[in-house]
Amino acid sequence: MRRRTVSGGGLEEVLDSLAAAAPAQREAAPAAPAPTPAPPVRRPDEFDFELPRGYVDDEGRVHRTGTMRLATARDELRPQIDLRVKENPAYLSVVLLSQVITRLGTITDVHAGVVERMYATDVAFLQDFYRRINSEGHTHAAVTCPLCHGSFEVDLSGERLGES
């Protein structure tokens, strides 16, 4: 690129001084703050839960919160051709739960081996949770107080009494 000299080199000197100052100005300018990542979008077909005991992984970490999605027809049919289910029909719930649990604590690859190592109380909770969200479409249940006989609704997704 050729530069033109205008009236005794004045324009060339200005351009040279701007070019020399430009990198220093860019370095001195404060960096823009990094954008905060948007919270993950919750899908309408996913439901959060909290296990009564929690899954203990190989490192000894306890995972109590998780997400389960609604089951599809394929989810219901796939275990029927699984050899483990054919050998032991009780294994059906292990395979089915491993397909619809999308997150368990920090674990995003929930497979049959994870469900196998869960406490029986947690598996029973997840079976009931699965039935509720897939049959009724929600995690609420109507209950009656045994003392006052008052009726009210509770959320079975795992919130503790007294917590909001």
Protein backbone atom coordinates (compact mmCIF):
# COMPACT_ATOMS: atom_id res chain seq x y z
CA MET A 1 0.00 0.00 0.00
CA ARG A 2 1.45 3.34 -1.01
CA ARG A 3 0.94 6.43 1.07
CA ARG A 4 0.46 9.84 -0.39
CA THR A 5 2.16 12.81 1.07
CA VAL A 6 -0.13 15.76 1.54
CA SER A 7 1.20 19.24 2.24
CA GLY A 8 4.66 18.38 3.43
CA GLY A 9 4.02 14.95 4.96
CA GLY A 10 1.58 16.07 7.66
CA LEU A 11 -0.99 13.39 6.91
CA GLU A 12 1.64 10.65 6.77
CA GLU A 13 2.97 11.62 10.19
CA VAL A 14 -0.55 11.57 11.64
CA LEU A 15 -1.26 8.12 10.17
CA ASP A 16 2.07 6.78 11.44
CA SER A 17 1.41 8.10 14.95
CA LEU A 18 -2.13 6.61 14.95
CA ALA A 19 -0.82 3.25 13.76
CA ALA A 20 1.87 3.25 16.44
CA ALA A 21 -0.60 4.20 19.17
CA ALA A 22 -3.37 1.80 18.16
CA PRO A 23 -1.88 -1.46 19.51
CA ALA A 24 -1.00 0.19 22.82
CA GLN A 25 -4.53 1.50 23.15
CA ARG A 26 -6.00 -1.95 22.52
CA GLU A 27 -3.76 -3.51 25.14
CA ALA A 28 -4.50 -0.83 27.70
CA ALA A 29 -8.25 -1.02 27.26
CA PRO A 30 -9.90 -3.09 29.98
CA ALA A 31 -11.16 -6.44 28.81
CA ALA A 32 -14.89 -6.78 28.60
CA PRO A 33 -16.25 -9.07 31.28
CA ALA A 34 -16.92 -12.59 30.09
CA PRO A 35 -20.61 -13.17 29.55
CA THR A 36 -22.16 -15.26 32.27
CA PRO A 37 -23.39 -18.55 30.91
CA ALA A 38 -27.13 -18.82 30.69
CA PRO A 39 -28.67 -21.35 33.04
CA PRO A 40 -29.56 -24.59 31.30
CA VAL A 41 -32.99 -24.49 29.77
CA ARG A 42 -35.28 -26.93 31.48
CA ARG A 43 -37.23 -29.02 29.04
CA PRO A 44 -40.98 -29.36 29.65
CA ASP A 45 -40.68 -33.15 29.58
CA GLU A 46 -38.11 -33.30 32.41
CA PHE A 47 -38.75 -33.48 36.14
CA ASP A 48 -36.27 -32.89 38.96
CA PHE A 49 -36.08 -35.26 41.91
CA GLU A 50 -34.16 -35.83 45.11
CA LEU A 51 -33.37 -39.37 46.20
CA PRO A 52 -34.11 -40.41 49.80
CA ARG A 53 -30.59 -41.84 50.32
CA GLY A 54 -28.52 -40.98 47.26
CA TYR A 55 -26.29 -42.85 44.86
CA VAL A 56 -22.68 -43.31 46.04
CA ASP A 57 -20.22 -43.35 43.14
CA ASP A 58 -16.82 -45.09 42.99
CA GLU A 59 -15.09 -42.07 44.57
CA GLY A 60 -17.49 -42.01 47.51
CA ARG A 61 -19.44 -38.93 46.36
CA VAL A 62 -23.16 -38.97 47.09
CA HIS A 63 -25.50 -37.89 44.29
CA ARG A 64 -29.02 -37.13 45.51
CA THR A 65 -30.56 -34.76 42.97
CA GLY A 66 -31.39 -35.68 39.43
CA THR A 67 -33.63 -35.28 36.42
CA MET A 68 -35.95 -37.77 34.79
CA ARG A 69 -37.62 -37.27 31.43
CA LEU A 70 -40.96 -38.57 30.29
CA ALA A 71 -40.79 -42.02 28.73
CA THR A 72 -41.46 -42.63 25.06
CA ALA A 73 -43.07 -45.71 23.54
CA ARG A 74 -39.59 -46.81 22.47
CA ASP A 75 -38.38 -46.57 26.08
CA GLU A 76 -41.19 -48.89 27.13
CA LEU A 77 -40.57 -51.38 24.29
CA ARG A 78 -36.77 -51.54 24.29
CA PRO A 79 -36.44 -53.46 27.60
CA GLN A 80 -38.70 -56.20 26.19
CA ILE A 81 -35.93 -57.26 23.78
CA ASP A 82 -33.09 -56.84 26.30
CA LEU A 83 -31.52 -60.24 27.09
CA ARG A 84 -31.06 -59.30 30.75
CA VAL A 85 -34.81 -58.67 31.04
CA LYS A 86 -35.62 -61.92 29.22
CA GLU A 87 -33.47 -63.83 31.73
CA ASN A 88 -34.81 -61.91 34.73
CA PRO A 89 -38.07 -59.94 34.27
CA ALA A 90 -37.38 -57.98 37.48
CA TYR A 91 -34.48 -56.32 35.62
CA LEU A 92 -37.00 -54.42 33.47
CA SER A 93 -37.20 -51.50 35.90
CA VAL A 94 -33.38 -51.18 35.98
CA VAL A 95 -33.20 -50.92 32.19
CA LEU A 96 -36.21 -48.61 31.98
CA LEU A 97 -34.95 -46.22 34.67
CA SER A 98 -31.48 -46.08 33.10
CA GLN A 99 -33.08 -44.87 29.86
CA VAL A 100 -35.14 -42.03 31.34
CA ILE A 101 -32.83 -40.64 34.05
CA THR A 102 -30.95 -37.88 32.26
CA ARG A 103 -28.86 -36.66 35.20
CA LEU A 104 -27.94 -37.90 38.64
CA GLY A 105 -25.92 -35.30 40.52
CA THR A 106 -22.95 -34.62 38.23
CA ILE A 107 -23.42 -37.90 36.35
CA THR A 108 -24.96 -37.43 32.90
CA ASP A 109 -24.35 -40.99 31.64
CA VAL A 110 -26.80 -42.94 33.76
CA HIS A 111 -26.66 -46.55 32.62
CA ALA A 112 -27.98 -49.83 34.01
CA GLY A 113 -24.83 -50.33 36.09
CA VAL A 114 -25.52 -47.09 37.97
CA VAL A 115 -29.12 -48.06 38.70
CA GLU A 116 -27.97 -51.54 39.81
CA ARG A 117 -25.75 -50.00 42.49
CA MET A 118 -28.48 -47.75 43.94
CA TYR A 119 -30.05 -48.47 47.31
CA ALA A 120 -33.36 -50.32 47.11
CA THR A 121 -35.19 -47.38 48.71
CA ASP A 122 -33.93 -45.06 45.95
CA VAL A 123 -34.96 -47.51 43.22
CA ALA A 124 -38.43 -47.81 44.77
CA PHE A 125 -38.65 -44.00 44.92
CA LEU A 126 -37.63 -43.74 41.24
CA GLN A 127 -40.14 -46.40 40.18
CA ASP A 128 -42.93 -44.47 41.89
CA PHE A 129 -41.64 -41.17 40.49
CA TYR A 130 -41.59 -42.71 36.98
CA ARG A 131 -45.15 -43.95 37.38
CA ARG A 132 -46.38 -40.57 38.62
CA ILE A 133 -44.85 -38.40 35.89
CA ASN A 134 -45.76 -40.82 33.08
CA SER A 135 -49.28 -41.64 34.27
CA GLU A 136 -50.36 -38.44 35.92
CA GLY A 137 -48.00 -35.92 34.32
CA HIS A 138 -46.91 -34.33 37.62
CA THR A 139 -45.17 -35.09 40.91
CA HIS A 140 -47.92 -33.98 43.30
CA ALA A 141 -49.97 -36.27 45.50
CA ALA A 142 -53.06 -35.62 47.59
CA VAL A 143 -52.57 -36.66 51.21
CA THR A 144 -54.61 -36.56 54.40
CA CYS A 145 -53.17 -35.70 57.80
CA PRO A 146 -53.72 -38.65 60.18
CA LEU A 147 -54.16 -36.26 63.15
CA CYS A 148 -56.42 -33.48 61.91
CA HIS A 149 -57.77 -35.29 58.83
CA GLY A 150 -57.04 -32.19 56.74
CA SER A 151 -56.36 -32.78 53.06
CA PHE A 152 -53.50 -31.13 51.20
CA GLU A 153 -51.12 -31.70 48.32
CA VAL A 154 -47.41 -32.49 48.55
CA ASP A 155 -44.71 -32.47 45.89
CA LEU A 156 -43.00 -35.87 45.75
CA SER A 157 -40.00 -34.63 43.78
CA GLY A 158 -37.96 -34.64 46.96
CA GLU A 159 -38.39 -31.31 48.72
CA ARG A 160 -38.02 -31.65 52.46
CA LEU A 161 -40.84 -30.60 54.77
CA GLY A 162 -40.47 -27.00 55.80
CA GLU A 163 -38.24 -26.10 52.85
CA SER A 164 -39.45 -23.78 50.13
